Amino acid sequence: MRQSSWTLFVLMLGLSSFLAPLPARAHDPNLHPVQVLDAIGFDQRLDASVPYDLTFLDEAGQPVQLSHFFDGKPVILSLGYFACPNLCPLARHGLLASLQQLQFTAGEEFTVLAVSIDPTETPQLAARTRDEFVQAYDRPAGEPGWHFLTGDHEAIDKLADAVGFRYAYDTRQQAYAHASGVIILTPEGAVSRYLFGLEYAPRDLRLALVEATANRIGTVIDQVLLFCYHYDPVSGEYTMLIMNVLRLAGLATVLLLGGMVILLLRRERRPMGAA
């Protein structure tokens, strides 16, 4: 089964626990459960900028503006909430599993920014959640690259709107419903890529980070992969470009044949009896 299909299945499974109507952010108590899928999701806003002047609270309870987290590195933005009983833990662990397979390290090549969509959550809860993931990440050098923020309703909504993240709150169940995915932001704070689902292919995550920096990080191999793979905004995945693969294979064949011809010509030109 394709990853996107599996993600949709898990999303529906998570939403099945919300038996009462799930209102959108307008807190509409008459929203039918079937309408939830229309109320939540991602409206892709590629190249849109996040508001640098938005203020949140860091894990120590200190006010901090979003601009503080853009210091020349791409940012992986995760919106959810830390006490979420459904999708959020699965999505965060899926992200963690992918990051553990990357040679890139948080705090060095990129920053992880998790922002709670629940204005009642506290910096203390954010700090505990961060500690769990930093410990599981198990890279001491990467600890400065993880940030878990809380904020008020206005700041949360402005950030969510800026990146096209739609969620719904059920006043009866006192729980949030939302789609699962991460948003890759450029070092300048612009939306670069969306990756959907509960698990993210390490290749896709790495290529998204490389693209977000306009190839300032990564290797020659990454450039070759970006030539052969194309970002599909519908699926949020990188798919193979067959024509580019064929072009690359053709170029490699020409270079190989050219090298063999040069080698043969050099051998023919050697003086008789030469070693």
C-alpha atoms as a PDB file:
ATOM      1  CA  MET A   1       0.000   0.000   0.000  1.00  0.00           C
ATOM      2  CA  ARG A   2       1.330   3.429  -0.876  1.00  0.00           C
ATOM      3  CA  GLN A   3       2.510   5.590   1.995  1.00  0.00           C
ATOM      4  CA  SER A   4      -0.103   8.259   1.204  1.00  0.00           C
ATOM      5  CA  SER A   5      -2.906   5.680   1.384  1.00  0.00           C
ATOM      6  CA  TRP A   6      -1.597   4.360   4.682  1.00  0.00           C
ATOM      7  CA  THR A   7      -1.379   7.888   6.036  1.00  0.00           C
ATOM      8  CA  LEU A   8      -4.988   8.585   5.079  1.00  0.00           C
ATOM      9  CA  PHE A   9      -6.061   5.360   6.781  1.00  0.00           C
ATOM     10  CA  VAL A  10      -4.264   6.289  10.010  1.00  0.00           C
ATOM     11  CA  LEU A  11      -5.687   9.797   9.831  1.00  0.00           C
ATOM     12  CA  MET A  12      -9.214   8.416   9.573  1.00  0.00           C
ATOM     13  CA  LEU A  13      -8.470   5.992  12.405  1.00  0.00           C
ATOM     14  CA  GLY A  14      -7.287   8.841  14.612  1.00  0.00           C
ATOM     15  CA  LEU A  15     -10.331  10.933  13.797  1.00  0.00           C
ATOM     16  CA  SER A  16     -12.666   8.063  14.615  1.00  0.00           C
ATOM     17  CA  SER A  17     -12.141   8.795  18.315  1.00  0.00           C
ATOM     18  CA  PHE A  18     -13.854  12.157  17.876  1.00  0.00           C
ATOM     19  CA  LEU A  19     -17.464  10.994  17.995  1.00  0.00           C
ATOM     20  CA  ALA A  20     -18.969  14.451  18.618  1.00  0.00           C
ATOM     21  CA  PRO A  21     -19.038  17.102  15.880  1.00  0.00           C
ATOM     22  CA  LEU A  22     -15.614  18.657  15.358  1.00  0.00           C
ATOM     23  CA  PRO A  23     -15.837  22.403  14.763  1.00  0.00           C
ATOM     24  CA  ALA A  24     -13.276  24.361  12.801  1.00  0.00           C
ATOM     25  CA  ARG A  25     -11.219  27.080  14.389  1.00  0.00           C
ATOM     26  CA  ALA A  26     -14.389  29.167  14.470  1.00  0.00           C
ATOM     27  CA  HIS A  27     -15.590  26.630  17.098  1.00  0.00           C
ATOM     28  CA  ASP A  28     -18.793  25.844  15.209  1.00  0.00           C
ATOM     29  CA  PRO A  29     -20.655  23.297  17.410  1.00  0.00           C
ATOM     30  CA  ASN A  30     -22.853  22.209  14.492  1.00  0.00           C
ATOM     31  CA  LEU A  31     -20.064  20.853  12.309  1.00  0.00           C
ATOM     32  CA  HIS A  32     -20.854  17.256  11.293  1.00  0.00           C
ATOM     33  CA  PRO A  33     -18.061  14.656  11.693  1.00  0.00           C
ATOM     34  CA  VAL A  34     -18.082  14.076   7.935  1.00  0.00           C
ATOM     35  CA  GLN A  35     -17.197  17.749   7.463  1.00  0.00           C
ATOM     36  CA  VAL A  36     -14.054  17.433   9.551  1.00  0.00           C
ATOM     37  CA  LEU A  37     -11.971  16.457   6.528  1.00  0.00           C
ATOM     38  CA  ASP A  38     -12.986  19.756   4.943  1.00  0.00           C
ATOM     39  CA  ALA A  39     -12.119  21.692   8.088  1.00  0.00           C
ATOM     40  CA  ILE A  40      -8.595  20.331   8.503  1.00  0.00           C
ATOM     41  CA  GLY A  41      -5.656  19.867   6.187  1.00  0.00           C
ATOM     42  CA  PHE A  42      -2.874  21.734   4.432  1.00  0.00           C
ATOM     43  CA  ASP A  43      -3.378  24.582   1.980  1.00  0.00           C
ATOM     44  CA  GLN A  44       0.021  24.588   0.336  1.00  0.00           C
ATOM     45  CA  ARG A  45       1.483  28.073   0.295  1.00  0.00           C
ATOM     46  CA  LEU A  46       4.877  27.573  -1.245  1.00  0.00           C
ATOM     47  CA  ASP A  47       7.149  30.625  -0.963  1.00  0.00           C
ATOM     48  CA  ALA A  48       4.879  32.251   1.648  1.00  0.00           C
ATOM     49  CA  SER A  49       6.772  33.768   4.576  1.00  0.00           C
ATOM     50  CA  VAL A  50       6.148  33.108   8.248  1.00  0.00           C
ATOM     51  CA  PRO A  51       5.588  36.235  10.375  1.00  0.00           C
ATOM     52  CA  TYR A  52       8.944  36.872  12.021  1.00  0.00           C
ATOM     53  CA  ASP A  53       7.408  39.152  14.654  1.00  0.00           C
ATOM     54  CA  LEU A  54       5.145  36.506  16.215  1.00  0.00           C
ATOM     55  CA  THR A  55       5.984  35.913  19.874  1.00  0.00           C
ATOM     56  CA  PHE A  56       5.796  32.529  21.596  1.00  0.00           C
ATOM     57  CA  LEU A  57       7.128  31.095  24.857  1.00  0.00           C
ATOM     58  CA  ASP A  58      10.156  28.819  24.834  1.00  0.00           C
ATOM     59  CA  GLU A  59      10.608  25.809  27.109  1.00  0.00           C
ATOM     60  CA  ALA A  60      11.854  28.078  29.913  1.00  0.00           C
ATOM     61  CA  GLY A  61       8.762  30.267  29.679  1.00  0.00           C
ATOM     62  CA  GLN A  62      10.656  33.160  28.102  1.00  0.00           C
ATOM     63  CA  PRO A  63       9.099  35.193  25.267  1.00  0.00           C
ATOM     64  CA  VAL A  64      10.834  34.601  21.951  1.00  0.00           C
ATOM     65  CA  GLN A  65      10.095  35.810  18.438  1.00  0.00           C
ATOM     66  CA  LEU A  66      10.060  33.449  15.475  1.00  0.00           C
ATOM     67  CA  SER A  67      12.918  35.391  13.904  1.00  0.00           C
ATOM     68  CA  HIS A  68      15.182  33.980  16.625  1.00  0.00           C
ATOM     69  CA  PHE A  69      15.043  30.517  15.048  1.00  0.00           C
ATOM     70  CA  PHE A  70      16.146  31.544  11.558  1.00  0.00           C
ATOM     71  CA  ASP A  71      19.911  31.801  11.727  1.00  0.00           C
ATOM     72  CA  GLY A  72      21.032  30.594   8.324  1.00  0.00           C
ATOM     73  CA  LYS A  73      19.690  27.048   8.575  1.00  0.00           C
ATOM     74  CA  PRO A  74      16.481  25.510   7.192  1.00  0.00           C
ATOM     75  CA  VAL A  75      13.718  24.853   9.706  1.00  0.00           C
ATOM     76  CA  ILE A  76      11.509  21.781  10.052  1.00  0.00           C
ATOM     77  CA  LEU A  77       8.209  23.126  11.387  1.00  0.00           C
ATOM     78  CA  SER A  78       5.843  20.722  13.139  1.00  0.00           C
ATOM     79  CA  LEU A  79       2.406  21.930  14.250  1.00  0.00           C
ATOM     80  CA  GLY A  80       0.394  19.822  16.670  1.00  0.00           C
ATOM     81  CA  TYR A  81       0.042  19.667  20.417  1.00  0.00           C
ATOM     82  CA  PHE A  82       2.120  17.985  23.054  1.00  0.00           C
ATOM     83  CA  ALA A  83      -0.718  16.259  24.961  1.00  0.00           C
ATOM     84  CA  CYS A  84      -2.265  14.910  21.756  1.00  0.00           C
ATOM     85  CA  PRO A  85      -3.458  11.307  22.277  1.00  0.00           C
ATOM     86  CA  ASN A  86      -3.742  10.442  18.592  1.00  0.00           C
ATOM     87  CA  LEU A  87      -1.600  11.546  15.656  1.00  0.00           C
ATOM     88  CA  CYS A  88       0.973  13.882  17.208  1.00  0.00           C
ATOM     89  CA  PRO A  89       3.119  11.308  19.041  1.00  0.00           C
ATOM     90  CA  LEU A  90       3.129   9.067  15.966  1.00  0.00           C
ATOM     91  CA  ALA A  91       4.097  11.945  13.688  1.00  0.00           C
ATOM     92  CA  ARG A  92       6.832  13.218  16.009  1.00  0.00           C
ATOM     93  CA  HIS A  93       8.304   9.735  16.393  1.00  0.00           C
ATOM     94  CA  GLY A  94       8.101   9.278  12.619  1.00  0.00           C
ATOM     95  CA  LEU A  95      10.061  12.494  12.166  1.00  0.00           C
ATOM     96  CA  LEU A  96      12.542  11.426  14.827  1.00  0.00           C
ATOM     97  CA  ALA A  97      13.099   8.054  13.137  1.00  0.00           C
ATOM     98  CA  SER A  98      13.871   9.775   9.835  1.00  0.00           C
ATOM     99  CA  LEU A  99      16.192  12.338  11.421  1.00  0.00           C
ATOM    100  CA  GLN A 100      18.126   9.570  13.156  1.00  0.00           C
ATOM    101  CA  GLN A 101      18.968   8.134   9.728  1.00  0.00           C
ATOM    102  CA  LEU A 102      20.289  11.412   8.319  1.00  0.00           C
ATOM    103  CA  GLN A 103      23.920  12.422   8.399  1.00  0.00           C
ATOM    104  CA  PHE A 104      22.679  15.974   8.903  1.00  0.00           C
ATOM    105  CA  THR A 105      22.442  16.930  12.582  1.00  0.00           C
ATOM    106  CA  ALA A 106      19.883  19.193  14.235  1.00  0.00           C
ATOM    107  CA  GLY A 107      21.486  22.449  15.289  1.00  0.00           C
ATOM    108  CA  GLU A 108      24.210  22.126  12.674  1.00  0.00           C
ATOM    109  CA  GLU A 109      22.513  21.727   9.278  1.00  0.00           C
ATOM    110  CA  PHE A 110      18.895  22.385  10.303  1.00  0.00           C
ATOM    111  CA  THR A 111      16.553  23.373  13.149  1.00  0.00           C
ATOM    112  CA  VAL A 112      13.493  21.513  14.450  1.00  0.00           C
ATOM    113  CA  LEU A 113      10.664  23.793  15.591  1.00  0.00           C
ATOM    114  CA  ALA A 114       7.604  22.186  17.209  1.00  0.00           C
ATOM    115  CA  VAL A 115       4.772  24.617  17.959  1.00  0.00           C
ATOM    116  CA  SER A 116       1.699  23.677  19.991  1.00  0.00           C
ATOM    117  CA  ILE A 117      -1.691  24.608  18.526  1.00  0.00           C
ATOM    118  CA  ASP A 118      -3.250  24.374  22.001  1.00  0.00           C
ATOM    119  CA  PRO A 119      -3.007  27.762  23.773  1.00  0.00           C
ATOM    120  CA  THR A 120      -3.587  26.097  27.162  1.00  0.00           C
ATOM    121  CA  GLU A 121      -0.387  24.033  27.000  1.00  0.00           C
ATOM    122  CA  THR A 122       2.479  25.229  29.162  1.00  0.00           C
ATOM    123  CA  PRO A 123       6.226  25.694  28.717  1.00  0.00           C
ATOM    124  CA  GLN A 124       6.715  22.982  31.352  1.00  0.00           C
ATOM    125  CA  LEU A 125       4.915  20.458  29.166  1.00  0.00           C
ATOM    126  CA  ALA A 126       6.891  21.666  26.150  1.00  0.00           C
ATOM    127  CA  ALA A 127      10.140  21.206  28.095  1.00  0.00           C
ATOM    128  CA  ARG A 128       9.253  17.639  29.110  1.00  0.00           C
ATOM    129  CA  THR A 129       8.312  16.745  25.546  1.00  0.00           C
ATOM    130  CA  ARG A 130      11.519  18.269  24.212  1.00  0.00           C
ATOM    131  CA  ASP A 131      13.638  16.392  26.764  1.00  0.00           C
ATOM    132  CA  GLU A 132      12.087  13.102  25.656  1.00  0.00           C
ATOM    133  CA  PHE A 133      12.926  13.704  22.017  1.00  0.00           C
ATOM    134  CA  VAL A 134      16.394  15.108  22.611  1.00  0.00           C
ATOM    135  CA  GLN A 135      17.213  12.026  24.684  1.00  0.00           C
ATOM    136  CA  ALA A 136      15.815   9.703  22.008  1.00  0.00           C
ATOM    137  CA  TYR A 137      17.664  11.601  19.257  1.00  0.00           C
ATOM    138  CA  ASP A 138      20.864  10.719  21.131  1.00  0.00           C
ATOM    139  CA  ARG A 139      23.163  13.236  19.463  1.00  0.00           C
ATOM    140  CA  PRO A 140      24.642  15.613  22.061  1.00  0.00           C
ATOM    141  CA  ALA A 141      25.651  18.066  19.349  1.00  0.00           C
ATOM    142  CA  GLY A 142      22.050  18.209  18.161  1.00  0.00           C
ATOM    143  CA  GLU A 143      20.440  19.322  21.436  1.00  0.00           C
ATOM    144  CA  PRO A 144      20.517  23.074  20.595  1.00  0.00           C
ATOM    145  CA  GLY A 145      18.627  22.369  17.374  1.00  0.00           C
ATOM    146  CA  TRP A 146      15.345  21.282  19.025  1.00  0.00           C
ATOM    147  CA  HIS A 147      12.762  23.882  20.100  1.00  0.00           C
ATOM    148  CA  PHE A 148       9.256  23.302  21.495  1.00  0.00           C
ATOM    149  CA  LEU A 149       7.089  26.415  21.751  1.00  0.00           C
ATOM    150  CA  THR A 150       3.740  27.365  23.238  1.00  0.00           C
ATOM    151  CA  GLY A 151       1.727  30.504  22.620  1.00  0.00           C
ATOM    152  CA  ASP A 152      -1.589  32.282  22.697  1.00  0.00           C
ATOM    153  CA  HIS A 153      -4.451  31.666  20.297  1.00  0.00           C
ATOM    154  CA  GLU A 154      -3.698  34.730  18.169  1.00  0.00           C
ATOM    155  CA  ALA A 155      -0.045  33.851  17.555  1.00  0.00           C
ATOM    156  CA  ILE A 156      -0.889  30.210  16.845  1.00  0.00           C
ATOM    157  CA  ASP A 157      -3.584  31.135  14.340  1.00  0.00           C
ATOM    158  CA  LYS A 158      -1.370  33.629  12.530  1.00  0.00           C
ATOM    159  CA  LEU A 159       1.406  31.072  12.143  1.00  0.00           C
ATOM    160  CA  ALA A 160      -1.013  28.329  11.077  1.00  0.00           C
ATOM    161  CA  ASP A 161      -2.652  30.626   8.532  1.00  0.00           C
ATOM    162  CA  ALA A 162       0.714  31.715   7.144  1.00  0.00           C
ATOM    163  CA  VAL A 163       1.743  28.139   6.325  1.00  0.00           C
ATOM    164  CA  GLY A 164      -1.729  26.892   5.353  1.00  0.00           C
ATOM    165  CA  PHE A 165      -2.262  24.581   8.331  1.00  0.00           C
ATOM    166  CA  ARG A 166      -5.975  24.077   9.121  1.00  0.00           C
ATOM    167  CA  TYR A 167      -7.164  22.396  12.298  1.00  0.00           C
ATOM    168  CA  ALA A 168     -10.417  21.994  14.231  1.00  0.00           C
ATOM    169  CA  TYR A 169     -11.238  22.072  17.934  1.00  0.00           C
ATOM    170  CA  ASP A 170     -14.045  20.062  19.525  1.00  0.00           C
ATOM    171  CA  THR A 171     -15.385  21.953  22.537  1.00  0.00           C
ATOM    172  CA  ARG A 172     -17.274  18.856  23.718  1.00  0.00           C
ATOM    173  CA  GLN A 173     -14.344  16.453  23.568  1.00  0.00           C
ATOM    174  CA  GLN A 174     -11.814  19.207  24.357  1.00  0.00           C
ATOM    175  CA  ALA A 175      -9.460  17.903  21.707  1.00  0.00           C
ATOM    176  CA  TYR A 176      -7.976  19.036  18.413  1.00  0.00           C
ATOM    177  CA  ALA A 177      -8.194  17.363  15.017  1.00  0.00           C
ATOM    178  CA  HIS A 178      -5.546  18.120  12.437  1.00  0.00           C
ATOM    179  CA  ALA A 179      -3.671  16.669   9.503  1.00  0.00           C
ATOM    180  CA  SER A 180      -0.236  15.134   9.894  1.00  0.00           C
ATOM    181  CA  GLY A 181       2.852  16.502   8.210  1.00  0.00           C
ATOM    182  CA  VAL A 182       5.841  18.798   8.508  1.00  0.00           C
ATOM    183  CA  ILE A 183       6.695  22.015   6.724  1.00  0.00           C
ATOM    184  CA  ILE A 184      10.213  22.747   5.505  1.00  0.00           C
ATOM    185  CA  LEU A 185      11.110  26.434   5.747  1.00  0.00           C
ATOM    186  CA  THR A 186      14.056  28.171   4.117  1.00  0.00           C
ATOM    187  CA  PRO A 187      16.682  29.939   6.250  1.00  0.00           C
ATOM    188  CA  GLU A 188      14.826  33.138   5.316  1.00  0.00           C
ATOM    189  CA  GLY A 189      11.509  31.850   6.697  1.00  0.00           C
ATOM    190  CA  ALA A 190       9.728  31.002   3.442  1.00  0.00           C
ATOM    191  CA  VAL A 191       7.705  27.828   2.919  1.00  0.00           C
ATOM    192  CA  SER A 192       9.768  25.498   0.740  1.00  0.00           C
ATOM    193  CA  ARG A 193       8.226  22.024   0.967  1.00  0.00           C
ATOM    194  CA  TYR A 194       5.457  20.045   2.672  1.00  0.00           C
ATOM    195  CA  LEU A 195       5.956  16.418   3.690  1.00  0.00           C
ATOM    196  CA  PHE A 196       2.754  14.599   4.598  1.00  0.00           C
ATOM    197  CA  GLY A 197       2.029  11.572   6.735  1.00  0.00           C
ATOM    198  CA  LEU A 198       3.203   9.947   9.931  1.00  0.00           C
ATOM    199  CA  GLU A 199       6.528   8.745   8.518  1.00  0.00           C
ATOM    200  CA  TYR A 200       8.917  10.571   6.239  1.00  0.00           C
ATOM    201  CA  ALA A 201      11.366   8.874   3.911  1.00  0.00           C
ATOM    202  CA  PRO A 202      14.877   9.953   4.960  1.00  0.00           C
ATOM    203  CA  ARG A 203      15.675  10.593   1.290  1.00  0.00           C
ATOM    204  CA  ASP A 204      12.719  12.968   0.951  1.00  0.00           C
ATOM    205  CA  LEU A 205      13.579  14.769   4.171  1.00  0.00           C
ATOM    206  CA  ARG A 206      17.214  15.212   3.172  1.00  0.00           C
ATOM    207  CA  LEU A 207      16.369  16.439  -0.335  1.00  0.00           C
ATOM    208  CA  ALA A 208      13.799  18.869   1.078  1.00  0.00           C
ATOM    209  CA  LEU A 209      16.421  20.334   3.411  1.00  0.00           C
ATOM    210  CA  VAL A 210      18.955  20.603   0.590  1.00  0.00           C
ATOM    211  CA  GLU A 211      16.434  22.352  -1.656  1.00  0.00           C
ATOM    212  CA  ALA A 212      15.398  24.720   1.125  1.00  0.00           C
ATOM    213  CA  THR A 213      18.960  26.004   1.350  1.00  0.00           C
ATOM    214  CA  ALA A 214      19.328  26.399  -2.423  1.00  0.00           C
ATOM    215  CA  ASN A 215      21.916  23.582  -2.312  1.00  0.00           C
ATOM    216  CA  ARG A 216      24.106  25.269   0.318  1.00  0.00           C
ATOM    217  CA  ILE A 217      24.163  22.016   2.274  1.00  0.00           C
ATOM    218  CA  GLY A 218      24.468  18.489   0.959  1.00  0.00           C
ATOM    219  CA  THR A 219      26.832  16.761  -1.425  1.00  0.00           C
ATOM    220  CA  VAL A 220      27.274  16.174  -5.138  1.00  0.00           C
ATOM    221  CA  ILE A 221      25.227  13.012  -4.697  1.00  0.00           C
ATOM    222  CA  ASP A 222      22.328  15.140  -3.437  1.00  0.00           C
ATOM    223  CA  GLN A 223      22.539  17.245  -6.602  1.00  0.00           C
ATOM    224  CA  VAL A 224      22.370  14.090  -8.714  1.00  0.00           C
ATOM    225  CA  LEU A 225      19.357  12.871  -6.729  1.00  0.00           C
ATOM    226  CA  LEU A 226      17.602  16.219  -7.143  1.00  0.00           C
ATOM    227  CA  PHE A 227      18.202  15.930 -10.890  1.00  0.00           C
ATOM    228  CA  CYS A 228      16.572  12.495 -10.881  1.00  0.00           C
ATOM    229  CA  TYR A 229      13.781  13.176  -8.372  1.00  0.00           C
ATOM    230  CA  HIS A 230      11.021  15.760  -8.517  1.00  0.00           C
ATOM    231  CA  TYR A 231       8.955  17.100  -5.621  1.00  0.00           C
ATOM    232  CA  ASP A 232       5.276  16.258  -6.050  1.00  0.00           C
ATOM    233  CA  PRO A 233       3.197  18.826  -4.113  1.00  0.00           C
ATOM    234  CA  VAL A 234       0.111  16.601  -4.244  1.00  0.00           C
ATOM    235  CA  SER A 235       1.672  13.649  -2.438  1.00  0.00           C
ATOM    236  CA  GLY A 236       4.339  15.611  -0.581  1.00  0.00           C
ATOM    237  CA  GLU A 237       6.933  13.117  -1.815  1.00  0.00           C
ATOM    238  CA  TYR A 238       9.861  13.056  -4.209  1.00  0.00           C
ATOM    239  CA  THR A 239       9.144  10.976  -7.305  1.00  0.00           C
ATOM    240  CA  MET A 240      11.581   9.732  -9.911  1.00  0.00           C
ATOM    241  CA  LEU A 241      11.895  11.654 -13.179  1.00  0.00           C
ATOM    242  CA  ILE A 242      12.354   8.857 -15.714  1.00  0.00           C
ATOM    243  CA  MET A 243      13.541  11.155 -18.506  1.00  0.00           C
ATOM    244  CA  ASN A 244      16.206  12.718 -16.314  1.00  0.00           C
ATOM    245  CA  VAL A 245      17.339   9.286 -15.162  1.00  0.00           C
ATOM    246  CA  LEU A 246      17.640   8.203 -18.805  1.00  0.00           C
ATOM    247  CA  ARG A 247      19.553  11.380 -19.652  1.00  0.00           C
ATOM    248  CA  LEU A 248      21.927  10.781 -16.775  1.00  0.00           C
ATOM    249  CA  ALA A 249      22.390   7.142 -17.781  1.00  0.00           C
ATOM    250  CA  GLY A 250      23.023   8.237 -21.375  1.00  0.00           C
ATOM    251  CA  LEU A 251      25.594  10.783 -20.260  1.00  0.00           C
ATOM    252  CA  ALA A 252      27.328   8.174 -18.114  1.00  0.00           C
ATOM    253  CA  THR A 253      27.404   5.790 -21.097  1.00  0.00           C
ATOM    254  CA  VAL A 254      28.915   8.455 -23.369  1.00  0.00           C
ATOM    255  CA  LEU A 255      31.556   9.308 -20.777  1.00  0.00           C
ATOM    256  CA  LEU A 256      32.394   5.637 -20.291  1.00  0.00           C
ATOM    257  CA  LEU A 257      32.721   5.004 -24.032  1.00  0.00           C
ATOM    258  CA  GLY A 258      34.737   8.194 -24.444  1.00  0.00           C
ATOM    259  CA  GLY A 259      37.104   7.108 -21.698  1.00  0.00           C
ATOM    260  CA  MET A 260      37.561   3.691 -23.313  1.00  0.00           C
ATOM    261  CA  VAL A 261      38.301   5.281 -26.711  1.00  0.00           C
ATOM    262  CA  ILE A 262      40.900   7.611 -25.192  1.00  0.00           C
ATOM    263  CA  LEU A 263      42.512   4.697 -23.368  1.00  0.00           C
ATOM    264  CA  LEU A 264      42.690   2.610 -26.565  1.00  0.00           C
ATOM    265  CA  LEU A 265      44.167   5.518 -28.559  1.00  0.00           C
ATOM    266  CA  ARG A 266      46.856   6.055 -25.950  1.00  0.00           C
ATOM    267  CA  ARG A 267      47.776   2.385 -26.053  1.00  0.00           C
ATOM    268  CA  GLU A 268      48.038   2.445 -29.856  1.00  0.00           C
ATOM    269  CA  ARG A 269      50.344   5.483 -29.746  1.00  0.00           C
ATOM    270  CA  ARG A 270      52.838   3.880 -27.357  1.00  0.00           C
ATOM    271  CA  PRO A 271      56.244   3.120 -28.975  1.00  0.00           C
ATOM    272  CA  MET A 272      56.877  -0.508 -29.759  1.00  0.00           C
ATOM    273  CA  GLY A 273      58.565  -2.255 -26.872  1.00  0.00           C
ATOM    274  CA  ALA A 274      57.554   0.414 -24.342  1.00  0.00           C
ATOM    275  CA  ALA A 275      56.534  -0.848 -20.928  1.00  0.00           C
END
